[in-house]
C-alpha cells in the first residue's frame, strides 16, 4: 500500500513539472512583442555637419534663385566700361564683341578718346574699369593720380607713325620733306596726345638728318593749322580735305580709310614705335571681369585681332 502511495505521489510530481515547463515555453515567445521596436527607421535627432557643395554655395549667393544654379562659381558676368585710346576703336570693338560671345552674360562698353582725355576723365571720377593708353606717359599719369595701381599695367601692343594726305592731293604732297613747303596745311594731334608727341619726336629726328635739314621741324610747325585732341580727328580732317597732310598711326589707315587718303611711310630710323599699355582701374566695381578682359586682350586671340587691324603684337 505504501509503495502505491509513493508511486502516485511521484507521478503527480512529474506531471506538475512537465506542465510547468510547457507553460513557460508557451509564454516566452510573447515577451519580444511587449518590448519597443528598435529605432532603425527613425531619423536621427541631429544631422552631422556636412560642407556645402559648390552648387549649394552658389545658390546661397543668388537670393531667391532656387532652381537655376551656375555650374561654376568662377563664371563671369556683369558689365565693364573700357576707356581706350582712339586709335584702338576698330580693333577693340571686335575684341569686345568676341569677348562677350565667349562669356555669355557679360557686356563691354567703350569710351574712346585721346589718352590724355581719358586720364583726366578717370581722375574726375568717371566710372571706368579698364584703361588702355597709347603711351606709357599717360599710364604713368594715371598711376600718379592713384587711378591705377602701379604694377598692374601691361604693355599689350605696338604701333607706328605714317604721314597721310587727301586722296585728291591737290597740294601735291609726295614726300616727307613736302610737309615743310610753304603753304602746306598740316594737321597734327596736340602734343598732349601720344601721337602728337610722337610726331614732334619725328620732326626732331628728321631735323638732324641731312636729307631734311636743320630747319625742317620749325618749317613744318609753321604750317600747322590745327592741333586735334585725338588721332581720329586728324584722320577725319584729312579725309574731308581740311588739311593737306597729317601724321597718324598706320592702324588709322584702315581699309575703309585707305581709299580716302594717300600715305607716305616714315623710315624706321625716324619713326617712333609706340607701346600701348592696359591696366584695371582702381575703383572698378567688377575687377574680376576687368582682369578677364585684359587677359583676353593679351591672349593669342586678342593679339590676332590687333594684328588684323595693323598693330604690332607684343
Protein backbone atom coordinates (compact mmCIF):
# COMPACT_ATOMS: atom_id res chain seq x y z
CA UNK A 1 0.00 0.00 0.00
CA UNK A 2 2.84 2.37 0.90
CA UNK A 3 4.52 1.69 -2.45
CA UNK A 4 1.34 2.54 -4.29
CA UNK A 5 1.04 5.84 -2.48
CA UNK A 6 4.67 6.74 -3.23
CA UNK A 7 4.17 5.86 -6.85
CA UNK A 8 1.12 8.10 -7.11
CA UNK A 9 3.00 11.00 -5.46
CA UNK A 10 5.94 10.57 -7.88
CA UNK A 11 3.65 10.54 -10.93
CA UNK A 12 1.82 13.66 -9.75
CA UNK A 13 5.14 15.44 -9.18
CA UNK A 14 6.40 14.62 -12.66
CA UNK A 15 3.11 15.78 -14.16
CA UNK A 16 3.34 19.10 -12.34
CA UNK A 17 6.93 19.61 -13.55
CA UNK A 18 6.02 18.90 -17.18
CA UNK A 19 3.04 21.26 -17.08
CA UNK A 20 5.22 24.00 -15.57
CA UNK A 21 7.82 23.74 -18.32
CA UNK A 22 5.14 23.69 -21.02
CA UNK A 23 3.57 26.85 -19.60
CA UNK A 24 6.92 28.69 -19.54
CA UNK A 25 7.68 27.69 -23.15
CA UNK A 26 4.35 28.98 -24.39
CA UNK A 27 4.77 32.39 -22.66
CA UNK A 28 8.44 33.07 -23.61
CA UNK A 29 7.91 33.95 -27.33
CA UNK A 30 5.37 36.63 -26.35
CA UNK A 31 7.97 38.63 -24.46
CA UNK A 32 9.57 40.35 -27.50
CA UNK A 33 6.17 41.67 -28.66
CA UNK A 34 6.00 43.71 -25.48
CA UNK A 35 9.49 45.35 -25.99
CA UNK A 36 9.78 48.61 -28.04
CA UNK A 37 10.86 48.17 -31.68
CA UNK A 38 14.46 49.26 -32.47
CA UNK A 39 14.55 52.80 -33.98
CA UNK A 40 16.16 51.75 -37.27
CA UNK A 41 13.72 53.70 -39.48
CA UNK A 42 13.53 56.85 -37.35
CA UNK A 43 15.72 59.86 -38.43
CA UNK A 44 18.48 60.95 -36.07
CA UNK A 45 17.64 63.83 -33.83
CA UNK A 46 20.62 65.90 -35.14
CA UNK A 47 22.24 65.60 -38.58
CA UNK A 48 26.04 65.56 -38.78
CA UNK A 49 27.71 68.71 -40.20
CA UNK A 50 28.39 68.42 -43.95
CA UNK A 51 30.31 71.02 -46.01
CA UNK A 52 28.06 72.65 -48.67
CA UNK A 53 28.70 71.74 -52.28
CA UNK A 54 29.74 74.34 -54.87
CA UNK A 55 26.21 74.37 -56.19
CA UNK A 56 24.80 74.95 -52.71
CA UNK A 57 27.23 77.81 -52.13
CA UNK A 58 26.29 79.35 -55.47
CA UNK A 59 22.63 79.08 -54.61
CA UNK A 60 23.20 80.93 -51.33
CA UNK A 61 24.93 83.65 -53.31
CA UNK A 62 21.86 84.06 -55.50
CA UNK A 63 18.92 85.01 -53.24
CA UNK A 64 15.56 83.84 -54.46
CA UNK A 65 17.06 81.56 -57.11
CA UNK A 66 16.07 78.08 -56.08
CA UNK A 67 16.15 76.37 -59.46
CA UNK A 68 18.93 77.95 -61.55
CA UNK A 69 22.41 77.27 -60.23
CA UNK A 70 25.57 78.12 -62.23
CA UNK A 71 27.86 75.22 -62.96
CA UNK A 72 30.84 77.10 -61.52
CA UNK A 73 31.33 79.97 -59.14
CA UNK A 74 34.04 81.33 -61.49
CA UNK A 75 31.56 82.14 -64.26
CA UNK A 76 31.97 85.72 -65.46
CA UNK A 77 29.02 88.09 -65.55
CA UNK A 78 28.19 91.76 -65.36
CA UNK A 79 29.34 94.86 -67.21
CA UNK A 80 32.57 96.79 -67.55
CA UNK A 81 33.47 100.08 -69.20
CA UNK A 82 36.77 100.25 -71.06
CA UNK A 83 38.43 103.64 -71.56
CA UNK A 84 40.66 103.18 -74.61
CA UNK A 85 42.83 105.31 -76.87
CA UNK A 86 41.00 106.43 -80.01
CA UNK A 87 43.40 104.51 -82.27
CA UNK A 88 42.10 101.26 -80.73
CA UNK A 89 38.50 101.88 -81.80
CA UNK A 90 38.04 99.32 -84.57
CA UNK A 91 40.20 96.59 -83.03
CA UNK A 92 38.73 96.90 -79.53
CA UNK A 93 35.16 96.86 -80.82
CA UNK A 94 35.82 93.45 -82.35
CA UNK A 95 37.68 92.27 -79.27
CA UNK A 96 34.74 93.36 -77.12
CA UNK A 97 32.24 91.52 -79.31
CA UNK A 98 34.33 88.34 -79.26
CA UNK A 99 34.83 88.58 -75.50
CA UNK A 100 31.07 88.88 -74.91
CA UNK A 101 30.42 85.91 -77.19
CA UNK A 102 32.95 83.82 -75.29
CA UNK A 103 31.45 84.89 -71.95
CA UNK A 104 27.63 84.95 -72.16
CA UNK A 105 26.13 87.29 -69.60
CA UNK A 106 28.87 89.91 -69.91
CA UNK A 107 28.78 93.33 -71.56
CA UNK A 108 31.67 95.57 -72.55
CA UNK A 109 31.07 99.29 -73.13
CA UNK A 110 33.77 101.50 -74.63
CA UNK A 111 34.77 105.12 -74.28
CA UNK A 112 37.29 106.09 -76.98
CA UNK A 113 39.24 109.35 -76.81
CA UNK A 114 42.74 110.74 -76.60
CA UNK A 115 44.69 109.01 -73.83
CA UNK A 116 45.25 112.32 -72.05
CA UNK A 117 41.49 112.98 -72.03
CA UNK A 118 40.80 109.54 -70.61
CA UNK A 119 43.27 110.04 -67.76
CA UNK A 120 41.54 113.29 -66.89
CA UNK A 121 38.07 111.75 -67.03
CA UNK A 122 39.04 108.82 -64.81
CA UNK A 123 40.71 111.18 -62.36
CA UNK A 124 37.50 113.21 -62.15
CA UNK A 125 35.53 110.11 -61.17
CA UNK A 126 34.16 108.85 -64.47
CA UNK A 127 33.12 105.21 -63.99
CA UNK A 128 35.72 103.03 -65.68
CA UNK A 129 37.01 99.51 -65.19
CA UNK A 130 39.89 99.26 -67.67
CA UNK A 131 42.24 101.90 -69.08
CA UNK A 132 44.12 101.31 -72.35
CA UNK A 133 46.63 104.03 -73.20
CA UNK A 134 48.55 104.69 -76.42
CA UNK A 135 51.65 105.67 -74.44
CA UNK A 136 53.46 104.89 -71.21
CA UNK A 137 53.33 108.54 -70.16
CA UNK A 138 49.54 108.64 -69.85
CA UNK A 139 49.54 105.33 -67.98
CA UNK A 140 52.15 106.76 -65.61
CA UNK A 141 49.94 109.82 -65.16
CA UNK A 142 47.04 107.56 -64.19
CA UNK A 143 49.28 105.76 -61.68
CA UNK A 144 50.45 109.07 -60.21
CA UNK A 145 46.82 110.14 -59.83
CA UNK A 146 46.10 106.86 -57.99
CA UNK A 147 43.59 105.86 -60.68
CA UNK A 148 45.66 102.77 -61.45
CA UNK A 149 47.73 100.69 -59.03
CA UNK A 150 51.39 100.62 -60.02
CA UNK A 151 52.48 97.20 -61.22
CA UNK A 152 49.11 96.18 -62.66
CA UNK A 153 49.78 97.79 -66.05
CA UNK A 154 50.84 95.64 -69.02
CA UNK A 155 52.26 96.51 -72.44
CA UNK A 156 49.93 94.78 -74.89
CA UNK A 157 50.61 96.04 -78.44
CA UNK A 158 52.70 98.48 -80.52
CA UNK A 159 52.09 100.94 -83.36
CA UNK A 160 54.00 103.24 -85.71
CA UNK A 161 53.54 106.56 -87.50
CA UNK A 162 52.65 107.34 -91.09
CA UNK A 163 52.10 110.60 -92.99
CA UNK A 164 48.83 110.93 -94.89
CA UNK A 165 47.23 113.30 -97.42
CA UNK A 166 43.77 113.56 -99.04
CA UNK A 167 43.12 111.22 -101.95
CA UNK A 168 42.84 114.13 -104.42
CA UNK A 169 46.20 115.50 -103.17
CA UNK A 170 45.58 118.98 -104.51
CA UNK A 171 48.64 120.31 -102.69
CA UNK A 172 50.90 117.79 -104.40
CA UNK A 173 52.40 116.26 -101.23
CA UNK A 174 54.65 113.41 -102.37
CA UNK A 175 57.49 113.22 -99.84
CA UNK A 176 58.01 113.80 -96.14
CA UNK A 177 60.08 116.86 -97.00
CA UNK A 178 56.99 118.37 -98.61
CA UNK A 179 55.48 118.85 -95.16
CA UNK A 180 57.86 121.78 -94.74
CA UNK A 181 56.93 123.52 -98.00
CA UNK A 182 55.41 126.95 -97.60
CA UNK A 183 51.63 126.97 -97.89
CA UNK A 184 51.10 123.31 -96.98
CA UNK A 185 48.35 122.95 -94.39
CA UNK A 186 49.43 120.41 -91.79
CA UNK A 187 47.10 118.89 -89.20
CA UNK A 188 48.54 117.23 -86.11
CA UNK A 189 47.29 115.92 -82.80
CA UNK A 190 48.06 118.16 -79.84
CA UNK A 191 51.37 117.45 -78.11
CA UNK A 192 49.45 116.19 -75.05
CA UNK A 193 48.08 113.39 -77.23
CA UNK A 194 50.51 110.47 -77.64
CA UNK A 195 50.50 110.59 -81.45
CA UNK A 196 51.03 114.35 -81.30
CA UNK A 197 54.16 113.95 -79.20
CA UNK A 198 55.35 111.11 -81.43
CA UNK A 199 55.01 113.42 -84.45
CA UNK A 200 57.16 116.04 -82.72
CA UNK A 201 59.74 113.35 -81.99
CA UNK A 202 59.77 112.51 -85.70
CA UNK A 203 60.40 116.16 -86.62
CA UNK A 204 63.27 116.31 -84.10
CA UNK A 205 64.93 113.25 -85.60
CA UNK A 206 64.41 114.47 -89.17
CA UNK A 207 65.95 117.84 -88.36
CA UNK A 208 69.17 116.02 -87.51
CA UNK A 209 69.12 114.20 -90.85
CA UNK A 210 70.88 115.90 -93.78
CA UNK A 211 68.09 114.76 -96.10
CA UNK A 212 65.70 117.10 -94.26
CA UNK A 213 67.87 119.88 -92.89
CA UNK A 214 68.11 121.53 -89.51
CA UNK A 215 65.16 123.82 -90.14
CA UNK A 216 62.72 121.03 -91.01
CA UNK A 217 60.85 120.96 -87.69
CA UNK A 218 60.37 124.72 -87.49
CA UNK A 219 59.16 124.87 -91.08
CA UNK A 220 56.60 122.10 -90.52
CA UNK A 221 55.29 123.67 -87.31
CA UNK A 222 54.72 126.94 -89.15
CA UNK A 223 52.41 125.01 -91.50
CA UNK A 224 50.29 123.51 -88.70
CA UNK A 225 46.72 124.82 -88.94
CA UNK A 226 45.12 122.59 -86.31
CA UNK A 227 46.07 120.55 -83.24
CA UNK A 228 43.45 117.91 -82.53
CA UNK A 229 42.53 116.13 -79.30
CA UNK A 230 42.80 112.62 -80.74
CA UNK A 231 44.17 110.86 -83.80
CA UNK A 232 40.76 110.10 -85.31
CA UNK A 233 40.09 113.84 -85.59
CA UNK A 234 43.33 114.26 -87.56
CA UNK A 235 42.31 111.47 -89.93
CA UNK A 236 38.81 112.88 -90.34
CA UNK A 237 40.04 116.34 -91.29
CA UNK A 238 42.48 114.96 -93.86
CA UNK A 239 39.73 112.77 -95.36
CA UNK A 240 37.49 115.84 -95.62
CA UNK A 241 40.25 117.86 -97.29
CA UNK A 242 40.57 120.36 -94.44
CA UNK A 243 44.32 119.77 -94.42
CA UNK A 244 46.97 118.83 -96.97
CA UNK A 245 48.88 116.42 -94.76
CA UNK A 246 48.87 114.92 -91.28
CA UNK A 247 50.59 112.40 -89.03
CA UNK A 248 48.59 109.42 -87.74
CA UNK A 249 49.21 105.78 -86.84
CA UNK A 250 49.47 103.17 -89.57
CA UNK A 251 46.45 101.46 -87.97
CA UNK A 252 44.30 104.52 -88.71
CA UNK A 253 44.66 103.92 -92.43
CA UNK A 254 42.25 101.01 -92.19
CA UNK A 255 40.60 99.54 -95.31
CA UNK A 256 37.67 101.97 -95.14
CA UNK A 257 40.07 104.95 -94.92
CA UNK A 258 42.69 103.65 -97.35
CA UNK A 259 40.59 104.66 -100.34
CA UNK A 260 40.21 108.20 -98.99
CA UNK A 261 43.83 109.06 -98.16
CA UNK A 262 47.29 108.51 -99.55
CA UNK A 263 50.19 107.59 -97.30
CA UNK A 264 53.92 108.24 -97.05
CA UNK A 265 55.93 105.80 -94.97
CA UNK A 266 58.25 107.15 -92.29
CA UNK A 267 61.60 105.28 -92.12
CA UNK A 268 62.33 103.25 -89.01
CA UNK A 269 65.25 105.49 -88.07
CA UNK A 270 62.89 108.49 -87.87
CA UNK A 271 59.78 106.70 -86.68
CA UNK A 272 58.56 106.01 -83.16
CA UNK A 273 57.35 102.55 -82.18
CA UNK A 274 54.55 103.39 -79.77
CA UNK A 275 53.91 100.96 -76.92
CA UNK A 276 50.33 100.68 -75.63
CA UNK A 277 49.57 99.87 -72.01
CA UNK A 278 46.49 98.44 -70.34
CA UNK A 279 45.51 98.22 -66.65
CA UNK A 280 42.45 97.79 -64.41
CA UNK A 281 41.10 100.99 -62.88
CA UNK A 282 41.48 101.05 -59.09
CA UNK A 283 37.82 101.96 -58.46
CA UNK A 284 36.40 99.26 -60.75
CA UNK A 285 33.28 97.58 -59.36
CA UNK A 286 33.96 94.40 -61.33
CA UNK A 287 37.69 93.72 -61.07
CA UNK A 288 37.28 90.03 -61.97
CA UNK A 289 35.69 90.92 -65.29
CA UNK A 290 38.20 93.72 -65.88
CA UNK A 291 41.08 91.29 -65.33
CA UNK A 292 39.46 88.75 -67.66
CA UNK A 293 39.12 91.36 -70.41
CA UNK A 294 42.80 92.30 -70.02
CA UNK A 295 43.75 88.64 -70.19
CA UNK A 296 41.76 88.25 -73.41
CA UNK A 297 43.49 91.28 -74.99
CA UNK A 298 46.86 89.70 -74.19
CA UNK A 299 45.78 86.23 -75.34
CA UNK A 300 46.63 84.82 -78.80
CA UNK A 301 43.04 85.54 -79.91
CA UNK A 302 43.24 89.17 -78.82
CA UNK A 303 46.67 89.64 -80.36
CA UNK A 304 45.47 88.16 -83.66
CA UNK A 305 42.64 90.70 -83.82
CA UNK A 306 45.04 93.56 -83.08
CA UNK A 307 47.40 92.33 -85.82
CA UNK A 308 44.47 92.18 -88.24
CA UNK A 309 43.99 95.92 -87.74
CA UNK A 310 47.65 96.70 -88.35
CA UNK A 311 49.03 96.74 -84.82
CA UNK A 312 52.34 95.13 -83.97
CA UNK A 313 51.70 92.28 -81.49
CA UNK A 314 53.83 92.11 -78.36
